[in-house]
Amino acid sequence: YGPDGVFIDAIETPDAPQSSCPAFGGPGLTTLYVTTALEHMDDEARAKHPASGQLFAFPGAGKGLAEPQVLI
């Protein structure tokens, strides 16, 4: 979704149906990193989706915003 709330695109994690924590990183925050989960998957589901539990990187998927730096 864009800043205006309009849908832009969807990215699938191949052979890993449970995406968990997306975050932008890399130079210019232009790589989307997505972790995937194994939680609540039985042996059959894990065999069907062997990439579950892995980290995916999608260069050029968009541009993230830097978090403000704070001192605690």
PDB file of N, CA and C in Angstrom:
ATOM      1  N   TYR A   1       0.833  -1.179   0.000  1.00  0.00           N
ATOM      2  CA  TYR A   1       0.000   0.000   0.000  1.00  0.00           C
ATOM      3  C   TYR A   1       0.878   1.243   0.000  1.00  0.00           C
ATOM      4  N   GLY A   2       0.411   2.266  -0.698  1.00  0.00           N
ATOM      5  CA  GLY A   2       1.126   3.527  -0.745  1.00  0.00           C
ATOM      6  C   GLY A   2       0.716   4.420   0.412  1.00  0.00           C
ATOM      7  N   PRO A   3       1.367   5.575   0.531  1.00  0.00           N
ATOM      8  CA  PRO A   3       1.040   6.508   1.619  1.00  0.00           C
ATOM      9  C   PRO A   3      -0.424   6.947   1.611  1.00  0.00           C
ATOM     10  N   ASP A   4      -1.056   6.885   0.443  1.00  0.00           N
ATOM     11  CA  ASP A   4      -2.459   7.282   0.334  1.00  0.00           C
ATOM     12  C   ASP A   4      -3.431   6.132   0.619  1.00  0.00           C
ATOM     13  N   GLY A   5      -2.889   4.946   0.972  1.00  0.00           N
ATOM     14  CA  GLY A   5      -3.722   3.799   1.297  1.00  0.00           C
ATOM     15  C   GLY A   5      -4.160   2.976   0.102  1.00  0.00           C
ATOM     16  N   VAL A   6      -3.671   3.325  -1.082  1.00  0.00           N
ATOM     17  CA  VAL A   6      -4.040   2.589  -2.291  1.00  0.00           C
ATOM     18  C   VAL A   6      -3.125   1.375  -2.463  1.00  0.00           C
ATOM     19  N   PHE A   7      -3.731   0.223  -2.785  1.00  0.00           N
ATOM     20  CA  PHE A   7      -2.968  -1.002  -3.006  1.00  0.00           C
ATOM     21  C   PHE A   7      -2.041  -0.823  -4.199  1.00  0.00           C
ATOM     22  N   ILE A   8      -0.759  -1.235  -4.028  1.00  0.00           N
ATOM     23  CA  ILE A   8       0.234  -1.120  -5.093  1.00  0.00           C
ATOM     24  C   ILE A   8       0.589  -2.494  -5.655  1.00  0.00           C
ATOM     25  N   ASP A   9       0.957  -3.415  -4.785  1.00  0.00           N
ATOM     26  CA  ASP A   9       1.458  -4.704  -5.258  1.00  0.00           C
ATOM     27  C   ASP A   9       1.466  -5.712  -4.113  1.00  0.00           C
ATOM     28  N   ALA A  10       1.568  -6.984  -4.474  1.00  0.00           N
ATOM     29  CA  ALA A  10       1.719  -8.065  -3.499  1.00  0.00           C
ATOM     30  C   ALA A  10       2.956  -8.865  -3.874  1.00  0.00           C
ATOM     31  N   ILE A  11       3.674  -9.324  -2.874  1.00  0.00           N
ATOM     32  CA  ILE A  11       4.871 -10.130  -3.095  1.00  0.00           C
ATOM     33  C   ILE A  11       4.676 -11.445  -2.353  1.00  0.00           C
ATOM     34  N   GLU A  12       4.872 -12.542  -3.057  1.00  0.00           N
ATOM     35  CA  GLU A  12       4.713 -13.855  -2.439  1.00  0.00           C
ATOM     36  C   GLU A  12       6.067 -14.419  -2.042  1.00  0.00           C
ATOM     37  N   THR A  13       6.085 -15.126  -0.933  1.00  0.00           N
ATOM     38  CA  THR A  13       7.284 -15.851  -0.515  1.00  0.00           C
ATOM     39  C   THR A  13       7.129 -17.280  -1.020  1.00  0.00           C
ATOM     40  N   PRO A  14       7.924 -17.675  -2.023  1.00  0.00           N
ATOM     41  CA  PRO A  14       7.743 -18.987  -2.633  1.00  0.00           C
ATOM     42  C   PRO A  14       7.968 -20.136  -1.647  1.00  0.00           C
ATOM     43  N   ASP A  15       7.061 -21.086  -1.644  1.00  0.00           N
ATOM     44  CA  ASP A  15       7.128 -22.270  -0.778  1.00  0.00           C
ATOM     45  C   ASP A  15       7.180 -21.928   0.706  1.00  0.00           C
ATOM     46  N   ALA A  16       6.619 -20.774   1.078  1.00  0.00           N
ATOM     47  CA  ALA A  16       6.560 -20.369   2.484  1.00  0.00           C
ATOM     48  C   ALA A  16       5.300 -19.517   2.676  1.00  0.00           C
ATOM     49  N   PRO A  17       4.172 -20.131   3.023  1.00  0.00           N
ATOM     50  CA  PRO A  17       2.908 -19.402   3.063  1.00  0.00           C
ATOM     51  C   PRO A  17       2.722 -18.450   4.246  1.00  0.00           C
ATOM     52  N   GLN A  18       3.550 -18.570   5.299  1.00  0.00           N
ATOM     53  CA  GLN A  18       3.367 -17.725   6.482  1.00  0.00           C
ATOM     54  C   GLN A  18       4.479 -16.679   6.575  1.00  0.00           C
ATOM     55  N   SER A  19       4.251 -15.508   5.983  1.00  0.00           N
ATOM     56  CA  SER A  19       5.226 -14.433   6.167  1.00  0.00           C
ATOM     57  C   SER A  19       5.005 -13.843   7.555  1.00  0.00           C
ATOM     58  N   SER A  20       6.087 -13.331   8.167  1.00  0.00           N
ATOM     59  CA  SER A  20       5.928 -12.852   9.536  1.00  0.00           C
ATOM     60  C   SER A  20       6.370 -11.409   9.736  1.00  0.00           C
ATOM     61  N   CYS A  21       7.595 -11.059   9.456  1.00  0.00           N
ATOM     62  CA  CYS A  21       8.083  -9.716   9.792  1.00  0.00           C
ATOM     63  C   CYS A  21       8.743  -9.042   8.594  1.00  0.00           C
ATOM     64  N   PRO A  22       7.996  -8.230   7.838  1.00  0.00           N
ATOM     65  CA  PRO A  22       8.615  -7.506   6.736  1.00  0.00           C
ATOM     66  C   PRO A  22       9.337  -6.261   7.244  1.00  0.00           C
ATOM     67  N   ALA A  23      10.454  -5.930   6.610  1.00  0.00           N
ATOM     68  CA  ALA A  23      11.208  -4.719   6.961  1.00  0.00           C
ATOM     69  C   ALA A  23      12.058  -4.307   5.768  1.00  0.00           C
ATOM     70  N   PHE A  24      12.180  -3.005   5.556  1.00  0.00           N
ATOM     71  CA  PHE A  24      13.061  -2.503   4.509  1.00  0.00           C
ATOM     72  C   PHE A  24      14.456  -2.314   5.073  1.00  0.00           C
ATOM     73  N   GLY A  25      15.471  -2.567   4.248  1.00  0.00           N
ATOM     74  CA  GLY A  25      16.857  -2.399   4.670  1.00  0.00           C
ATOM     75  C   GLY A  25      17.757  -2.241   3.464  1.00  0.00           C
ATOM     76  N   GLY A  26      19.046  -2.305   3.726  1.00  0.00           N
ATOM     77  CA  GLY A  26      20.033  -2.159   2.660  1.00  0.00           C
ATOM     78  C   GLY A  26      20.242  -0.698   2.297  1.00  0.00           C
ATOM     79  N   PRO A  27      21.166  -0.447   1.376  1.00  0.00           N
ATOM     80  CA  PRO A  27      21.436   0.929   0.951  1.00  0.00           C
ATOM     81  C   PRO A  27      20.166   1.583   0.398  1.00  0.00           C
ATOM     82  N   GLY A  28      19.807   2.715   0.941  1.00  0.00           N
ATOM     83  CA  GLY A  28      18.621   3.428   0.489  1.00  0.00           C
ATOM     84  C   GLY A  28      17.302   2.814   0.921  1.00  0.00           C
ATOM     85  N   LEU A  29      17.348   1.795   1.767  1.00  0.00           N
ATOM     86  CA  LEU A  29      16.142   1.109   2.257  1.00  0.00           C
ATOM     87  C   LEU A  29      15.263   0.617   1.104  1.00  0.00           C
ATOM     88  N   THR A  30      15.891   0.065   0.061  1.00  0.00           N
ATOM     89  CA  THR A  30      15.138  -0.376  -1.113  1.00  0.00           C
ATOM     90  C   THR A  30      15.044  -1.898  -1.248  1.00  0.00           C
ATOM     91  N   THR A  31      15.491  -2.627  -0.245  1.00  0.00           N
ATOM     92  CA  THR A  31      15.333  -4.081  -0.247  1.00  0.00           C
ATOM     93  C   THR A  31      14.323  -4.452   0.832  1.00  0.00           C
ATOM     94  N   LEU A  32      13.309  -5.211   0.440  1.00  0.00           N
ATOM     95  CA  LEU A  32      12.319  -5.687   1.399  1.00  0.00           C
ATOM     96  C   LEU A  32      12.767  -7.048   1.909  1.00  0.00           C
ATOM     97  N   TYR A  33      12.959  -7.154   3.221  1.00  0.00           N
ATOM     98  CA  TYR A  33      13.314  -8.422   3.860  1.00  0.00           C
ATOM     99  C   TYR A  33      12.058  -8.969   4.527  1.00  0.00           C
ATOM    100  N   VAL A  34      11.811 -10.262   4.343  1.00  0.00           N
ATOM    101  CA  VAL A  34      10.617 -10.888   4.914  1.00  0.00           C
ATOM    102  C   VAL A  34      11.017 -12.203   5.572  1.00  0.00           C
ATOM    103  N   THR A  35      10.738 -12.326   6.860  1.00  0.00           N
ATOM    104  CA  THR A  35      10.939 -13.610   7.531  1.00  0.00           C
ATOM    105  C   THR A  35       9.673 -14.443   7.341  1.00  0.00           C
ATOM    106  N   THR A  36       9.847 -15.755   7.408  1.00  0.00           N
ATOM    107  CA  THR A  36       8.700 -16.654   7.304  1.00  0.00           C
ATOM    108  C   THR A  36       8.689 -17.581   8.512  1.00  0.00           C
ATOM    109  N   ALA A  37       7.531 -18.142   8.794  1.00  0.00           N
ATOM    110  CA  ALA A  37       7.356 -18.901  10.029  1.00  0.00           C
ATOM    111  C   ALA A  37       7.115 -20.384   9.780  1.00  0.00           C
ATOM    112  N   LEU A  38       7.511 -21.166  10.776  1.00  0.00           N
ATOM    113  CA  LEU A  38       7.221 -22.601  10.824  1.00  0.00           C
ATOM    114  C   LEU A  38       6.153 -22.909  11.871  1.00  0.00           C
ATOM    115  N   GLU A  39       5.834 -21.931  12.683  1.00  0.00           N
ATOM    116  CA  GLU A  39       4.942 -22.123  13.821  1.00  0.00           C
ATOM    117  C   GLU A  39       3.591 -22.698  13.391  1.00  0.00           C
ATOM    118  N   HIS A  40       3.126 -23.668  14.137  1.00  0.00           N
ATOM    119  CA  HIS A  40       1.837 -24.341  13.921  1.00  0.00           C
ATOM    120  C   HIS A  40       1.786 -25.145  12.623  1.00  0.00           C
ATOM    121  N   MET A  41       2.938 -25.459  12.027  1.00  0.00           N
ATOM    122  CA  MET A  41       2.964 -26.289  10.823  1.00  0.00           C
ATOM    123  C   MET A  41       3.356 -27.710  11.217  1.00  0.00           C
ATOM    124  N   ASP A  42       2.541 -28.679  10.812  1.00  0.00           N
ATOM    125  CA  ASP A  42       2.893 -30.072  11.094  1.00  0.00           C
ATOM    126  C   ASP A  42       3.921 -30.562  10.068  1.00  0.00           C
ATOM    127  N   ASP A  43       4.374 -31.781  10.233  1.00  0.00           N
ATOM    128  CA  ASP A  43       5.415 -32.325   9.354  1.00  0.00           C
ATOM    129  C   ASP A  43       4.991 -32.325   7.888  1.00  0.00           C
ATOM    130  N   GLU A  44       3.729 -32.622   7.634  1.00  0.00           N
ATOM    131  CA  GLU A  44       3.234 -32.649   6.252  1.00  0.00           C
ATOM    132  C   GLU A  44       3.287 -31.255   5.622  1.00  0.00           C
ATOM    133  N   ALA A  45       2.856 -30.245   6.371  1.00  0.00           N
ATOM    134  CA  ALA A  45       2.886 -28.868   5.863  1.00  0.00           C
ATOM    135  C   ALA A  45       4.320 -28.391   5.653  1.00  0.00           C
ATOM    136  N   ARG A  46       5.206 -28.756   6.567  1.00  0.00           N
ATOM    137  CA  ARG A  46       6.617 -28.371   6.413  1.00  0.00           C
ATOM    138  C   ARG A  46       7.227 -29.012   5.176  1.00  0.00           C
ATOM    139  N   ALA A  47       6.858 -30.260   4.893  1.00  0.00           N
ATOM    140  CA  ALA A  47       7.369 -30.938   3.697  1.00  0.00           C
ATOM    141  C   ALA A  47       6.813 -30.293   2.426  1.00  0.00           C
ATOM    142  N   LYS A  48       5.575 -29.831   2.490  1.00  0.00           N
ATOM    143  CA  LYS A  48       4.934 -29.195   1.334  1.00  0.00           C
ATOM    144  C   LYS A  48       5.490 -27.796   1.081  1.00  0.00           C
ATOM    145  N   HIS A  49       5.955 -27.130   2.145  1.00  0.00           N
ATOM    146  CA  HIS A  49       6.459 -25.752   2.052  1.00  0.00           C
ATOM    147  C   HIS A  49       7.876 -25.692   2.629  1.00  0.00           C
ATOM    148  N   PRO A  50       8.864 -26.238   1.913  1.00  0.00           N
ATOM    149  CA  PRO A  50      10.215 -26.386   2.459  1.00  0.00           C
ATOM    150  C   PRO A  50      10.961 -25.077   2.733  1.00  0.00           C
ATOM    151  N   ALA A  51      10.513 -23.975   2.184  1.00  0.00           N
ATOM    152  CA  ALA A  51      11.200 -22.702   2.428  1.00  0.00           C
ATOM    153  C   ALA A  51      10.703 -22.002   3.692  1.00  0.00           C
ATOM    154  N   SER A  52       9.724 -22.582   4.358  1.00  0.00           N
ATOM    155  CA  SER A  52       9.212 -21.980   5.590  1.00  0.00           C
ATOM    156  C   SER A  52      10.322 -21.897   6.627  1.00  0.00           C
ATOM    157  N   GLY A  53      10.364 -20.773   7.334  1.00  0.00           N
ATOM    158  CA  GLY A  53      11.393 -20.543   8.340  1.00  0.00           C
ATOM    159  C   GLY A  53      12.600 -19.800   7.794  1.00  0.00           C
ATOM    160  N   GLN A  54      12.587 -19.482   6.512  1.00  0.00           N
ATOM    161  CA  GLN A  54      13.721 -18.792   5.900  1.00  0.00           C
ATOM    162  C   GLN A  54      13.471 -17.290   5.798  1.00  0.00           C
ATOM    163  N   LEU A  55      14.547 -16.577   5.501  1.00  0.00           N
ATOM    164  CA  LEU A  55      14.494 -15.137   5.261  1.00  0.00           C
ATOM    165  C   LEU A  55      14.557 -14.907   3.761  1.00  0.00           C
ATOM    166  N   PHE A  56      13.680 -14.054   3.258  1.00  0.00           N
ATOM    167  CA  PHE A  56      13.664 -13.694   1.840  1.00  0.00           C
ATOM    168  C   PHE A  56      14.062 -12.233   1.690  1.00  0.00           C
ATOM    169  N   ALA A  57      14.743 -11.915   0.588  1.00  0.00           N
ATOM    170  CA  ALA A  57      15.108 -10.535   0.264  1.00  0.00           C
ATOM    171  C   ALA A  57      14.578 -10.223  -1.129  1.00  0.00           C
ATOM    172  N   PHE A  58      13.910  -9.086  -1.249  1.00  0.00           N
ATOM    173  CA  PHE A  58      13.345  -8.653  -2.523  1.00  0.00           C
ATOM    174  C   PHE A  58      13.901  -7.268  -2.864  1.00  0.00           C
ATOM    175  N   PRO A  59      15.053  -7.220  -3.566  1.00  0.00           N
ATOM    176  CA  PRO A  59      15.643  -5.930  -3.936  1.00  0.00           C
ATOM    177  C   PRO A  59      14.702  -5.152  -4.860  1.00  0.00           C
ATOM    178  N   GLY A  60      14.617  -3.857  -4.630  1.00  0.00           N
ATOM    179  CA  GLY A  60      13.814  -2.997  -5.492  1.00  0.00           C
ATOM    180  C   GLY A  60      12.316  -3.129  -5.310  1.00  0.00           C
ATOM    181  N   ALA A  61      11.877  -3.732  -4.217  1.00  0.00           N
ATOM    182  CA  ALA A  61      10.442  -3.946  -3.997  1.00  0.00           C
ATOM    183  C   ALA A  61       9.717  -2.677  -3.558  1.00  0.00           C
ATOM    184  N   GLY A  62      10.434  -1.657  -3.246  1.00  0.00           N
ATOM    185  CA  GLY A  62       9.851  -0.406  -2.768  1.00  0.00           C
ATOM    186  C   GLY A  62      10.909   0.378  -2.027  1.00  0.00           C
ATOM    187  N   LYS A  63      10.489   1.411  -1.322  1.00  0.00           N
ATOM    188  CA  LYS A  63      11.431   2.211  -0.536  1.00  0.00           C
ATOM    189  C   LYS A  63      10.843   2.421   0.847  1.00  0.00           C
ATOM    190  N   GLY A  64      11.600   2.012   1.852  1.00  0.00           N
ATOM    191  CA  GLY A  64      11.159   2.176   3.228  1.00  0.00           C
ATOM    192  C   GLY A  64      11.480   3.560   3.768  1.00  0.00           C
ATOM    193  N   LEU A  65      11.003   3.825   4.954  1.00  0.00           N
ATOM    194  CA  LEU A  65      11.287   5.076   5.657  1.00  0.00           C
ATOM    195  C   LEU A  65      12.187   4.773   6.840  1.00  0.00           C
ATOM    196  N   ALA A  66      13.193   5.593   7.020  1.00  0.00           N
ATOM    197  CA  ALA A  66      14.108   5.402   8.147  1.00  0.00           C
ATOM    198  C   ALA A  66      13.388   5.712   9.458  1.00  0.00           C
ATOM    199  N   GLU A  67      13.667   4.923  10.471  1.00  0.00           N
ATOM    200  CA  GLU A  67      13.122   5.171  11.804  1.00  0.00           C
ATOM    201  C   GLU A  67      13.867   6.347  12.427  1.00  0.00           C
ATOM    202  N   PRO A  68      13.173   7.214  13.158  1.00  0.00           N
ATOM    203  CA  PRO A  68      13.882   8.294  13.847  1.00  0.00           C
ATOM    204  C   PRO A  68      14.804   7.722  14.921  1.00  0.00           C
ATOM    205  N   GLN A  69      15.972   8.302  15.059  1.00  0.00           N
ATOM    206  CA  GLN A  69      16.896   7.855  16.097  1.00  0.00           C
ATOM    207  C   GLN A  69      16.502   8.487  17.425  1.00  0.00           C
ATOM    208  N   VAL A  70      16.505   7.670  18.466  1.00  0.00           N
ATOM    209  CA  VAL A  70      16.189   8.165  19.804  1.00  0.00           C
ATOM    210  C   VAL A  70      17.253   7.690  20.773  1.00  0.00           C
ATOM    211  N   LEU A  71      17.476   8.468  21.791  1.00  0.00           N
ATOM    212  CA  LEU A  71      18.386   8.089  22.863  1.00  0.00           C
ATOM    213  C   LEU A  71      17.552   7.808  24.097  1.00  0.00           C
ATOM    214  N   ILE A  72      17.814   6.674  24.713  1.00  0.00           N
ATOM    215  CA  ILE A  72      17.061   6.324  25.923  1.00  0.00           C
ATOM    216  C   ILE A  72      18.006   6.365  27.095  1.00  0.00           C
TER     217      ILE A  72
END
